[in-house]
Amino acid sequence: MVGSLRGIAPTGRQYTIPAVQIFRLTNGKLVEMWGFRDTGSM
C-alpha cells in the first residue's frame, strides 16, 4: 500500500490475498467478467 485507498493514508505494509476471476465467453469473445477478492483480509 503506497497510495491512498478510499481516503485512507498509505501504510507501506504488504498484503497477499486469494482472488477469483470468472469470465463468460460467447463465440470466443469475452462478454462478461466478475471478480472477487478477500478484501477483509487485505
PDB file of all heavy atoms in Angstrom:
ATOM      1  N   MET A   1       0.842  -1.193   0.000  1.00  0.00           N
ATOM      2  CA  MET A   1       0.000   0.000   0.000  1.00  0.00           C
ATOM      3  C   MET A   1       0.887   1.255   0.000  1.00  0.00           C
ATOM      4  O   MET A   1       1.377   1.682   1.037  1.00  0.00           O
ATOM      5  CB  MET A   1      -0.938   0.010   1.201  1.00  0.00           C
ATOM      6  CG  MET A   1      -1.935   1.138   1.155  1.00  0.00           C
ATOM      7  SD  MET A   1      -3.023   1.061   2.568  1.00  0.00           S
ATOM      8  CE  MET A   1      -4.072   2.456   2.223  1.00  0.00           C
ATOM      9  N   VAL A   2       1.080   1.830  -1.175  1.00  0.00           N
ATOM     10  CA  VAL A   2       1.928   3.013  -1.311  1.00  0.00           C
ATOM     11  C   VAL A   2       1.117   4.266  -1.659  1.00  0.00           C
ATOM     12  O   VAL A   2       1.662   5.362  -1.692  1.00  0.00           O
ATOM     13  CB  VAL A   2       3.045   2.802  -2.365  1.00  0.00           C
ATOM     14  CG1 VAL A   2       3.993   1.706  -1.917  1.00  0.00           C
ATOM     15  CG2 VAL A   2       2.456   2.503  -3.724  1.00  0.00           C
ATOM     16  N   GLY A   3      -0.167   4.092  -1.909  1.00  0.00           N
ATOM     17  CA  GLY A   3      -1.044   5.221  -2.213  1.00  0.00           C
ATOM     18  C   GLY A   3      -2.273   5.153  -1.327  1.00  0.00           C
ATOM     19  O   GLY A   3      -2.501   4.162  -0.638  1.00  0.00           O
ATOM     20  N   SER A   4      -3.064   6.202  -1.342  1.00  0.00           N
ATOM     21  CA  SER A   4      -4.268   6.208  -0.515  1.00  0.00           C
ATOM     22  C   SER A   4      -5.305   5.247  -1.088  1.00  0.00           C
ATOM     23  O   SER A   4      -5.338   4.962  -2.282  1.00  0.00           O
ATOM     24  CB  SER A   4      -4.843   7.616  -0.411  1.00  0.00           C
ATOM     25  OG  SER A   4      -5.279   8.056  -1.676  1.00  0.00           O
ATOM     26  N   LEU A   5      -6.147   4.736  -0.217  1.00  0.00           N
ATOM     27  CA  LEU A   5      -7.203   3.803  -0.589  1.00  0.00           C
ATOM     28  C   LEU A   5      -8.500   4.325   0.003  1.00  0.00           C
ATOM     29  O   LEU A   5      -8.690   4.292   1.217  1.00  0.00           O
ATOM     30  CB  LEU A   5      -6.896   2.402  -0.046  1.00  0.00           C
ATOM     31  CG  LEU A   5      -7.972   1.333  -0.231  1.00  0.00           C
ATOM     32  CD1 LEU A   5      -8.171   1.031  -1.717  1.00  0.00           C
ATOM     33  CD2 LEU A   5      -7.600   0.070   0.523  1.00  0.00           C
ATOM     34  N   ARG A   6      -9.343   4.885  -0.863  1.00  0.00           N
ATOM     35  CA  ARG A   6     -10.626   5.444  -0.424  1.00  0.00           C
ATOM     36  C   ARG A   6     -10.466   6.417   0.733  1.00  0.00           C
ATOM     37  O   ARG A   6     -11.171   6.367   1.732  1.00  0.00           O
ATOM     38  CB  ARG A   6     -11.597   4.331  -0.065  1.00  0.00           C
ATOM     39  CG  ARG A   6     -11.930   3.456  -1.245  1.00  0.00           C
ATOM     40  CD  ARG A   6     -12.952   2.425  -0.915  1.00  0.00           C
ATOM     41  NE  ARG A   6     -13.202   1.604  -2.090  1.00  0.00           N
ATOM     42  CZ  ARG A   6     -14.106   0.679  -2.153  1.00  0.00           C
ATOM     43  NH1 ARG A   6     -14.863   0.429  -1.129  1.00  0.00           N
ATOM     44  NH2 ARG A   6     -14.268  -0.010  -3.254  1.00  0.00           N
ATOM     45  N   GLY A   7      -9.474   7.283   0.617  1.00  0.00           N
ATOM     46  CA  GLY A   7      -9.241   8.313   1.620  1.00  0.00           C
ATOM     47  C   GLY A   7      -8.396   7.883   2.796  1.00  0.00           C
ATOM     48  O   GLY A   7      -8.134   8.673   3.693  1.00  0.00           O
ATOM     49  N   ILE A   8      -7.953   6.625   2.822  1.00  0.00           N
ATOM     50  CA  ILE A   8      -7.107   6.129   3.908  1.00  0.00           C
ATOM     51  C   ILE A   8      -5.655   6.292   3.485  1.00  0.00           C
ATOM     52  O   ILE A   8      -5.262   5.891   2.391  1.00  0.00           O
ATOM     53  CB  ILE A   8      -7.420   4.646   4.209  1.00  0.00           C
ATOM     54  CG1 ILE A   8      -8.888   4.504   4.623  1.00  0.00           C
ATOM     55  CG2 ILE A   8      -6.490   4.097   5.278  1.00  0.00           C
ATOM     56  CD1 ILE A   8      -9.379   3.075   4.658  1.00  0.00           C
ATOM     57  N   ALA A   9      -4.860   6.900   4.354  1.00  0.00           N
ATOM     58  CA  ALA A   9      -3.451   7.165   4.044  1.00  0.00           C
ATOM     59  C   ALA A   9      -2.680   5.856   3.854  1.00  0.00           C
ATOM     60  O   ALA A   9      -2.992   4.844   4.472  1.00  0.00           O
ATOM     61  CB  ALA A   9      -2.813   7.969   5.174  1.00  0.00           C
ATOM     62  N   PRO A  10      -1.660   5.874   2.986  1.00  0.00           N
ATOM     63  CA  PRO A  10      -0.862   4.669   2.751  1.00  0.00           C
ATOM     64  C   PRO A  10      -0.181   4.184   4.028  1.00  0.00           C
ATOM     65  O   PRO A  10       0.275   4.988   4.838  1.00  0.00           O
ATOM     66  CB  PRO A  10       0.172   5.100   1.721  1.00  0.00           C
ATOM     67  CG  PRO A  10      -0.021   6.541   1.467  1.00  0.00           C
ATOM     68  CD  PRO A  10      -1.210   7.013   2.221  1.00  0.00           C
ATOM     69  N   THR A  11      -0.119   2.861   4.186  1.00  0.00           N
ATOM     70  CA  THR A  11       0.527   2.273   5.363  1.00  0.00           C
ATOM     71  C   THR A  11       1.932   1.763   5.058  1.00  0.00           C
ATOM     72  O   THR A  11       2.702   1.528   5.967  1.00  0.00           O
ATOM     73  CB  THR A  11      -0.297   1.083   5.897  1.00  0.00           C
ATOM     74  OG1 THR A  11      -0.323   0.057   4.905  1.00  0.00           O
ATOM     75  CG2 THR A  11      -1.718   1.500   6.254  1.00  0.00           C
ATOM     76  N   GLY A  12       2.228   1.535   3.777  1.00  0.00           N
ATOM     77  CA  GLY A  12       3.519   0.966   3.405  1.00  0.00           C
ATOM     78  C   GLY A  12       3.617  -0.519   3.686  1.00  0.00           C
ATOM     79  O   GLY A  12       4.654  -1.135   3.450  1.00  0.00           O
ATOM     80  N   ARG A  13       2.538  -1.122   4.187  1.00  0.00           N
ATOM     81  CA  ARG A  13       2.546  -2.549   4.511  1.00  0.00           C
ATOM     82  C   ARG A  13       2.202  -3.393   3.283  1.00  0.00           C
ATOM     83  O   ARG A  13       1.547  -2.928   2.359  1.00  0.00           O
ATOM     84  CB  ARG A  13       1.560  -2.828   5.643  1.00  0.00           C
ATOM     85  CG  ARG A  13       2.016  -2.144   6.940  1.00  0.00           C
ATOM     86  CD  ARG A  13       1.029  -2.289   8.045  1.00  0.00           C
ATOM     87  NE  ARG A  13       1.028  -3.661   8.557  1.00  0.00           N
ATOM     88  CZ  ARG A  13       0.314  -4.049   9.608  1.00  0.00           C
ATOM     89  NH1 ARG A  13      -0.432  -3.187  10.263  1.00  0.00           N
ATOM     90  NH2 ARG A  13       0.348  -5.300  10.001  1.00  0.00           N
ATOM     91  N   GLN A  14       2.633  -4.655   3.315  1.00  0.00           N
ATOM     92  CA  GLN A  14       2.383  -5.578   2.215  1.00  0.00           C
ATOM     93  C   GLN A  14       1.195  -6.463   2.538  1.00  0.00           C
ATOM     94  O   GLN A  14       0.850  -6.659   3.708  1.00  0.00           O
ATOM     95  CB  GLN A  14       3.613  -6.446   1.964  1.00  0.00           C
ATOM     96  CG  GLN A  14       4.807  -5.652   1.484  1.00  0.00           C
ATOM     97  CD  GLN A  14       6.011  -6.543   1.219  1.00  0.00           C
ATOM     98  OE1 GLN A  14       6.121  -7.647   1.737  1.00  0.00           O
ATOM     99  NE2 GLN A  14       6.913  -6.047   0.394  1.00  0.00           N
ATOM    100  N   TYR A  15       0.569  -7.013   1.481  1.00  0.00           N
ATOM    101  CA  TYR A  15      -0.540  -7.940   1.655  1.00  0.00           C
ATOM    102  C   TYR A  15      -0.468  -9.028   0.580  1.00  0.00           C
ATOM    103  O   TYR A  15       0.106  -8.836  -0.477  1.00  0.00           O
ATOM    104  CB  TYR A  15      -1.888  -7.217   1.581  1.00  0.00           C
ATOM    105  CG  TYR A  15      -2.212  -6.686   0.211  1.00  0.00           C
ATOM    106  CD1 TYR A  15      -2.940  -7.436  -0.699  1.00  0.00           C
ATOM    107  CD2 TYR A  15      -1.756  -5.433  -0.198  1.00  0.00           C
ATOM    108  CE1 TYR A  15      -3.223  -6.951  -1.969  1.00  0.00           C
ATOM    109  CE2 TYR A  15      -2.037  -4.933  -1.459  1.00  0.00           C
ATOM    110  CZ  TYR A  15      -2.771  -5.708  -2.341  1.00  0.00           C
ATOM    111  OH  TYR A  15      -3.039  -5.225  -3.601  1.00  0.00           O
ATOM    112  N   THR A  16      -1.055 -10.163   0.900  1.00  0.00           N
ATOM    113  CA  THR A  16      -1.212 -11.273  -0.039  1.00  0.00           C
ATOM    114  C   THR A  16      -2.587 -11.866   0.227  1.00  0.00           C
ATOM    115  O   THR A  16      -2.870 -12.261   1.365  1.00  0.00           O
ATOM    116  CB  THR A  16      -0.133 -12.346   0.164  1.00  0.00           C
ATOM    117  OG1 THR A  16       1.155 -11.740  -0.036  1.00  0.00           O
ATOM    118  CG2 THR A  16      -0.293 -13.497  -0.809  1.00  0.00           C
ATOM    119  N   ILE A  17      -3.433 -11.910  -0.809  1.00  0.00           N
ATOM    120  CA  ILE A  17      -4.798 -12.387  -0.634  1.00  0.00           C
ATOM    121  C   ILE A  17      -5.221 -13.291  -1.795  1.00  0.00           C
ATOM    122  O   ILE A  17      -4.722 -13.146  -2.907  1.00  0.00           O
ATOM    123  CB  ILE A  17      -5.803 -11.224  -0.519  1.00  0.00           C
ATOM    124  CG1 ILE A  17      -5.749 -10.319  -1.758  1.00  0.00           C
ATOM    125  CG2 ILE A  17      -5.580 -10.432   0.751  1.00  0.00           C
ATOM    126  CD1 ILE A  17      -6.840  -9.278  -1.824  1.00  0.00           C
ATOM    127  N   PRO A  18      -6.166 -14.202  -1.525  1.00  0.00           N
ATOM    128  CA  PRO A  18      -6.717 -15.009  -2.614  1.00  0.00           C
ATOM    129  C   PRO A  18      -7.745 -14.201  -3.399  1.00  0.00           C
ATOM    130  O   PRO A  18      -8.393 -13.298  -2.858  1.00  0.00           O
ATOM    131  CB  PRO A  18      -7.378 -16.183  -1.887  1.00  0.00           C
ATOM    132  CG  PRO A  18      -7.725 -15.652  -0.543  1.00  0.00           C
ATOM    133  CD  PRO A  18      -6.678 -14.623  -0.221  1.00  0.00           C
ATOM    134  N   ALA A  19      -7.894 -14.533  -4.683  1.00  0.00           N
ATOM    135  CA  ALA A  19      -8.874 -13.868  -5.533  1.00  0.00           C
ATOM    136  C   ALA A  19      -9.360 -14.849  -6.597  1.00  0.00           C
ATOM    137  O   ALA A  19      -8.710 -15.854  -6.876  1.00  0.00           O
ATOM    138  CB  ALA A  19      -8.262 -12.634  -6.190  1.00  0.00           C
ATOM    139  N   VAL A  20     -10.516 -14.525  -7.160  1.00  0.00           N
ATOM    140  CA  VAL A  20     -11.106 -15.348  -8.212  1.00  0.00           C
ATOM    141  C   VAL A  20     -11.613 -14.422  -9.311  1.00  0.00           C
ATOM    142  O   VAL A  20     -12.209 -13.385  -9.023  1.00  0.00           O
ATOM    143  CB  VAL A  20     -12.289 -16.186  -7.668  1.00  0.00           C
ATOM    144  CG1 VAL A  20     -13.002 -16.930  -8.783  1.00  0.00           C
ATOM    145  CG2 VAL A  20     -11.828 -17.137  -6.589  1.00  0.00           C
ATOM    146  N   GLN A  21     -11.368 -14.771 -10.559  1.00  0.00           N
ATOM    147  CA  GLN A  21     -11.920 -14.064 -11.715  1.00  0.00           C
ATOM    148  C   GLN A  21     -12.754 -15.069 -12.504  1.00  0.00           C
ATOM    149  O   GLN A  21     -12.306 -16.186 -12.760  1.00  0.00           O
ATOM    150  CB  GLN A  21     -10.817 -13.503 -12.612  1.00  0.00           C
ATOM    151  CG  GLN A  21     -10.015 -12.382 -11.993  1.00  0.00           C
ATOM    152  CD  GLN A  21     -10.816 -11.099 -11.873  1.00  0.00           C
ATOM    153  OE1 GLN A  21     -11.681 -10.800 -12.678  1.00  0.00           O
ATOM    154  NE2 GLN A  21     -10.529 -10.325 -10.840  1.00  0.00           N
ATOM    155  N   ILE A  22     -13.962 -14.671 -12.876  1.00  0.00           N
ATOM    156  CA  ILE A  22     -14.846 -15.523 -13.670  1.00  0.00           C
ATOM    157  C   ILE A  22     -15.112 -14.815 -14.988  1.00  0.00           C
ATOM    158  O   ILE A  22     -15.477 -13.634 -15.001  1.00  0.00           O
ATOM    159  CB  ILE A  22     -16.167 -15.792 -12.924  1.00  0.00           C
ATOM    160  CG1 ILE A  22     -15.882 -16.482 -11.592  1.00  0.00           C
ATOM    161  CG2 ILE A  22     -17.111 -16.625 -13.795  1.00  0.00           C
ATOM    162  CD1 ILE A  22     -17.078 -16.580 -10.687  1.00  0.00           C
ATOM    163  N   PHE A  23     -14.902 -15.530 -16.086  1.00  0.00           N
ATOM    164  CA  PHE A  23     -15.077 -14.961 -17.419  1.00  0.00           C
ATOM    165  C   PHE A  23     -16.198 -15.683 -18.142  1.00  0.00           C
ATOM    166  O   PHE A  23     -16.319 -16.901 -18.040  1.00  0.00           O
ATOM    167  CB  PHE A  23     -13.792 -15.118 -18.241  1.00  0.00           C
ATOM    168  CG  PHE A  23     -12.579 -14.525 -17.571  1.00  0.00           C
ATOM    169  CD1 PHE A  23     -11.720 -15.335 -16.848  1.00  0.00           C
ATOM    170  CD2 PHE A  23     -12.298 -13.175 -17.678  1.00  0.00           C
ATOM    171  CE1 PHE A  23     -10.587 -14.808 -16.238  1.00  0.00           C
ATOM    172  CE2 PHE A  23     -11.173 -12.634 -17.067  1.00  0.00           C
ATOM    173  CZ  PHE A  23     -10.328 -13.446 -16.349  1.00  0.00           C
ATOM    174  N   ARG A  24     -17.007 -14.943 -18.886  1.00  0.00           N
ATOM    175  CA  ARG A  24     -18.008 -15.560 -19.758  1.00  0.00           C
ATOM    176  C   ARG A  24     -17.673 -15.204 -21.190  1.00  0.00           C
ATOM    177  O   ARG A  24     -17.539 -14.032 -21.534  1.00  0.00           O
ATOM    178  CB  ARG A  24     -19.414 -15.076 -19.425  1.00  0.00           C
ATOM    179  CG  ARG A  24     -20.483 -15.825 -20.245  1.00  0.00           C
ATOM    180  CD  ARG A  24     -21.889 -15.550 -19.750  1.00  0.00           C
ATOM    181  NE  ARG A  24     -22.372 -14.239 -20.132  1.00  0.00           N
ATOM    182  CZ  ARG A  24     -22.942 -13.943 -21.303  1.00  0.00           C
ATOM    183  NH1 ARG A  24     -23.089 -14.866 -22.234  1.00  0.00           N
ATOM    184  NH2 ARG A  24     -23.350 -12.719 -21.544  1.00  0.00           N
ATOM    185  N   LEU A  25     -17.521 -16.242 -21.993  1.00  0.00           N
ATOM    186  CA  LEU A  25     -17.172 -16.074 -23.399  1.00  0.00           C
ATOM    187  C   LEU A  25     -18.369 -16.437 -24.275  1.00  0.00           C
ATOM    188  O   LEU A  25     -19.116 -17.369 -23.974  1.00  0.00           O
ATOM    189  CB  LEU A  25     -15.995 -16.971 -23.770  1.00  0.00           C
ATOM    190  CG  LEU A  25     -14.728 -16.815 -22.921  1.00  0.00           C
ATOM    191  CD1 LEU A  25     -13.727 -17.880 -23.282  1.00  0.00           C
ATOM    192  CD2 LEU A  25     -14.149 -15.441 -23.080  1.00  0.00           C
ATOM    193  N   THR A  26     -18.550 -15.698 -25.344  1.00  0.00           N
ATOM    194  CA  THR A  26     -19.548 -16.007 -26.365  1.00  0.00           C
ATOM    195  C   THR A  26     -18.861 -15.928 -27.711  1.00  0.00           C
ATOM    196  O   THR A  26     -18.250 -14.909 -28.037  1.00  0.00           O
ATOM    197  CB  THR A  26     -20.730 -15.012 -26.314  1.00  0.00           C
ATOM    198  OG1 THR A  26     -21.351 -15.102 -25.025  1.00  0.00           O
ATOM    199  CG2 THR A  26     -21.756 -15.323 -27.382  1.00  0.00           C
ATOM    200  N   ASN A  27     -18.929 -17.018 -28.459  1.00  0.00           N
ATOM    201  CA  ASN A  27     -18.269 -17.091 -29.764  1.00  0.00           C
ATOM    202  C   ASN A  27     -16.790 -16.708 -29.682  1.00  0.00           C
ATOM    203  O   ASN A  27     -16.267 -15.991 -30.532  1.00  0.00           O
ATOM    204  CB  ASN A  27     -18.990 -16.218 -30.794  1.00  0.00           C
ATOM    205  CG  ASN A  27     -20.409 -16.667 -31.035  1.00  0.00           C
ATOM    206  OD1 ASN A  27     -20.687 -17.863 -31.056  1.00  0.00           O
ATOM    207  ND2 ASN A  27     -21.317 -15.733 -31.205  1.00  0.00           N
ATOM    208  N   GLY A  28     -16.138 -17.158 -28.631  1.00  0.00           N
ATOM    209  CA  GLY A  28     -14.711 -16.907 -28.474  1.00  0.00           C
ATOM    210  C   GLY A  28     -14.345 -15.508 -28.025  1.00  0.00           C
ATOM    211  O   GLY A  28     -13.173 -15.159 -27.983  1.00  0.00           O
ATOM    212  N   LYS A  29     -15.360 -14.692 -27.655  1.00  0.00           N
ATOM    213  CA  LYS A  29     -15.085 -13.319 -27.212  1.00  0.00           C
ATOM    214  C   LYS A  29     -15.526 -13.137 -25.768  1.00  0.00           C
ATOM    215  O   LYS A  29     -16.559 -13.658 -25.345  1.00  0.00           O
ATOM    216  CB  LYS A  29     -15.813 -12.306 -28.096  1.00  0.00           C
ATOM    217  CG  LYS A  29     -15.303 -12.306 -29.523  1.00  0.00           C
ATOM    218  CD  LYS A  29     -15.983 -11.223 -30.327  1.00  0.00           C
ATOM    219  CE  LYS A  29     -15.453 -11.225 -31.756  1.00  0.00           C
ATOM    220  NZ  LYS A  29     -16.040 -10.171 -32.551  1.00  0.00           N
ATOM    221  N   LEU A  30     -14.740 -12.371 -25.028  1.00  0.00           N
ATOM    222  CA  LEU A  30     -15.067 -12.059 -23.643  1.00  0.00           C
ATOM    223  C   LEU A  30     -16.250 -11.094 -23.621  1.00  0.00           C
ATOM    224  O   LEU A  30     -16.187 -10.012 -24.202  1.00  0.00           O
ATOM    225  CB  LEU A  30     -13.860 -11.420 -22.949  1.00  0.00           C
ATOM    226  CG  LEU A  30     -14.064 -10.985 -21.508  1.00  0.00           C
ATOM    227  CD1 LEU A  30     -14.352 -12.177 -20.615  1.00  0.00           C
ATOM    228  CD2 LEU A  30     -12.845 -10.234 -21.029  1.00  0.00           C
ATOM    229  N   VAL A  31     -17.349 -11.509 -22.986  1.00  0.00           N
ATOM    230  CA  VAL A  31     -18.535 -10.644 -22.936  1.00  0.00           C
ATOM    231  C   VAL A  31     -18.882 -10.204 -21.518  1.00  0.00           C
ATOM    232  O   VAL A  31     -19.578  -9.212 -21.334  1.00  0.00           O
ATOM    233  CB  VAL A  31     -19.761 -11.310 -23.602  1.00  0.00           C
ATOM    234  CG1 VAL A  31     -19.534 -11.478 -25.094  1.00  0.00           C
ATOM    235  CG2 VAL A  31     -20.101 -12.626 -22.949  1.00  0.00           C
ATOM    236  N   GLU A  32     -18.404 -10.937 -20.513  1.00  0.00           N
ATOM    237  CA  GLU A  32     -18.621 -10.544 -19.121  1.00  0.00           C
ATOM    238  C   GLU A  32     -17.459 -11.026 -18.277  1.00  0.00           C
ATOM    239  O   GLU A  32     -16.822 -12.027 -18.595  1.00  0.00           O
ATOM    240  CB  GLU A  32     -19.909 -11.157 -18.561  1.00  0.00           C
ATOM    241  CG  GLU A  32     -21.177 -10.562 -19.108  1.00  0.00           C
ATOM    242  CD  GLU A  32     -22.391 -11.115 -18.399  1.00  0.00           C
ATOM    243  OE1 GLU A  32     -22.651 -10.686 -17.261  1.00  0.00           O
ATOM    244  OE2 GLU A  32     -23.061 -11.986 -18.990  1.00  0.00           O
ATOM    245  N   MET A  33     -17.222 -10.301 -17.172  1.00  0.00           N
ATOM    246  CA  MET A  33     -16.167 -10.686 -16.250  1.00  0.00           C
ATOM    247  C   MET A  33     -16.574 -10.269 -14.842  1.00  0.00           C
ATOM    248  O   MET A  33     -17.076  -9.172 -14.640  1.00  0.00           O
ATOM    249  CB  MET A  33     -14.850  -9.999 -16.629  1.00  0.00           C
ATOM    250  CG  MET A  33     -13.687 -10.403 -15.758  1.00  0.00           C
ATOM    251  SD  MET A  33     -12.121  -9.685 -16.306  1.00  0.00           S
ATOM    252  CE  MET A  33     -12.297  -8.020 -15.742  1.00  0.00           C
ATOM    253  N   TRP A  34     -16.393 -11.166 -13.888  1.00  0.00           N
ATOM    254  CA  TRP A  34     -16.651 -10.873 -12.491  1.00  0.00           C
ATOM    255  C   TRP A  34     -15.389 -11.163 -11.701  1.00  0.00           C
ATOM    256  O   TRP A  34     -14.625 -12.056 -12.045  1.00  0.00           O
ATOM    257  CB  TRP A  34     -17.759 -11.759 -11.926  1.00  0.00           C
ATOM    258  CG  TRP A  34     -19.053 -11.687 -12.646  1.00  0.00           C
ATOM    259  CD1 TRP A  34     -20.058 -10.787 -12.443  1.00  0.00           C
ATOM    260  CD2 TRP A  34     -19.506 -12.543 -13.693  1.00  0.00           C
ATOM    261  NE1 TRP A  34     -21.102 -11.048 -13.296  1.00  0.00           N
ATOM    262  CE2 TRP A  34     -20.790 -12.123 -14.081  1.00  0.00           C
ATOM    263  CE3 TRP A  34     -18.950 -13.635 -14.358  1.00  0.00           C
ATOM    264  CZ2 TRP A  34     -21.518 -12.747 -15.079  1.00  0.00           C
ATOM    265  CZ3 TRP A  34     -19.685 -14.261 -15.352  1.00  0.00           C
ATOM    266  CH2 TRP A  34     -20.951 -13.811 -15.695  1.00  0.00           C
ATOM    267  N   GLY A  35     -15.186 -10.431 -10.624  1.00  0.00           N
ATOM    268  CA  GLY A  35     -14.017 -10.659  -9.789  1.00  0.00           C
ATOM    269  C   GLY A  35     -14.375 -10.607  -8.322  1.00  0.00           C
ATOM    270  O   GLY A  35     -15.259  -9.851  -7.908  1.00  0.00           O
ATOM    271  N   PHE A  36     -13.712 -11.445  -7.548  1.00  0.00           N
ATOM    272  CA  PHE A  36     -13.912 -11.494  -6.112  1.00  0.00           C
ATOM    273  C   PHE A  36     -12.544 -11.573  -5.446  1.00  0.00           C
ATOM    274  O   PHE A  36     -11.672 -12.300  -5.906  1.00  0.00           O
ATOM    275  CB  PHE A  36     -14.722 -12.744  -5.720  1.00  0.00           C
ATOM    276  CG  PHE A  36     -16.024 -12.846  -6.454  1.00  0.00           C
ATOM    277  CD1 PHE A  36     -16.101 -13.560  -7.641  1.00  0.00           C
ATOM    278  CD2 PHE A  36     -17.158 -12.220  -5.975  1.00  0.00           C
ATOM    279  CE1 PHE A  36     -17.293 -13.666  -8.336  1.00  0.00           C
ATOM    280  CE2 PHE A  36     -18.354 -12.309  -6.661  1.00  0.00           C
ATOM    281  CZ  PHE A  36     -18.426 -13.033  -7.843  1.00  0.00           C
ATOM    282  N   ARG A  37     -12.386 -10.824  -4.348  1.00  0.00           N
ATOM    283  CA  ARG A  37     -11.137 -10.906  -3.593  1.00  0.00           C
ATOM    284  C   ARG A  37     -11.454 -10.784  -2.109  1.00  0.00           C
ATOM    285  O   ARG A  37     -12.486 -10.261  -1.723  1.00  0.00           O
ATOM    286  CB  ARG A  37     -10.156  -9.823  -4.029  1.00  0.00           C
ATOM    287  CG  ARG A  37     -10.632  -8.421  -3.765  1.00  0.00           C
ATOM    288  CD  ARG A  37      -9.585  -7.358  -4.065  1.00  0.00           C
ATOM    289  NE  ARG A  37      -9.068  -7.450  -5.385  1.00  0.00           N
ATOM    290  CZ  ARG A  37      -9.269  -6.568  -6.351  1.00  0.00           C
ATOM    291  NH1 ARG A  37      -9.996  -5.506  -6.126  1.00  0.00           N
ATOM    292  NH2 ARG A  37      -8.740  -6.736  -7.538  1.00  0.00           N
ATOM    293  N   ASP A  38     -10.543 -11.263  -1.288  1.00  0.00           N
ATOM    294  CA  ASP A  38     -10.716 -11.235   0.164  1.00  0.00           C
ATOM    295  C   ASP A  38     -10.268  -9.871   0.692  1.00  0.00           C
ATOM    296  O   ASP A  38      -9.189  -9.719   1.254  1.00  0.00           O
ATOM    297  CB  ASP A  38      -9.924 -12.380   0.801  1.00  0.00           C
ATOM    298  CG  ASP A  38     -10.187 -12.514   2.292  1.00  0.00           C
ATOM    299  OD1 ASP A  38     -10.892 -11.666   2.861  1.00  0.00           O
ATOM    300  OD2 ASP A  38      -9.673 -13.486   2.873  1.00  0.00           O
ATOM    301  N   THR A  39     -11.125  -8.884   0.499  1.00  0.00           N
ATOM    302  CA  THR A  39     -10.794  -7.509   0.883  1.00  0.00           C
ATOM    303  C   THR A  39     -10.621  -7.369   2.396  1.00  0.00           C
ATOM    304  O   THR A  39      -9.774  -6.610   2.863  1.00  0.00           O
ATOM    305  CB  THR A  39     -11.879  -6.540   0.382  1.00  0.00           C
ATOM    306  OG1 THR A  39     -12.048  -6.737  -1.019  1.00  0.00           O
ATOM    307  CG2 THR A  39     -11.500  -5.095   0.630  1.00  0.00           C
ATOM    308  N   GLY A  40     -11.415  -8.112   3.159  1.00  0.00           N
ATOM    309  CA  GLY A  40     -11.291  -8.050   4.625  1.00  0.00           C
ATOM    310  C   GLY A  40      -9.911  -8.458   5.085  1.00  0.00           C
ATOM    311  O   GLY A  40      -9.299  -7.806   5.937  1.00  0.00           O
ATOM    312  N   SER A  41      -9.385  -9.533   4.499  1.00  0.00           N
ATOM    313  CA  SER A  41      -8.039  -9.990   4.844  1.00  0.00           C
ATOM    314  C   SER A  41      -6.994  -8.960   4.417  1.00  0.00           C
ATOM    315  O   SER A  41      -6.021  -8.706   5.130  1.00  0.00           O
ATOM    316  CB  SER A  41      -7.765 -11.334   4.178  1.00  0.00           C
ATOM    317  OG  SER A  41      -6.470 -11.782   4.475  1.00  0.00           O
ATOM    318  N   MET A  42      -7.203  -8.344   3.252  1.00  0.00           N
ATOM    319  CA  MET A  42      -6.270  -7.319   2.785  1.00  0.00           C
ATOM    320  C   MET A  42      -6.234  -6.151   3.770  1.00  0.00           C
ATOM    321  O   MET A  42      -5.159  -5.701   4.179  1.00  0.00           O
ATOM    322  CB  MET A  42      -6.667  -6.812   1.407  1.00  0.00           C
ATOM    323  CG  MET A  42      -5.739  -5.730   0.868  1.00  0.00           C
ATOM    324  SD  MET A  42      -6.241  -5.068  -0.742  1.00  0.00           S
ATOM    325  CE  MET A  42      -7.594  -4.014  -0.263  1.00  0.00           C
TER     326      MET A  42
END
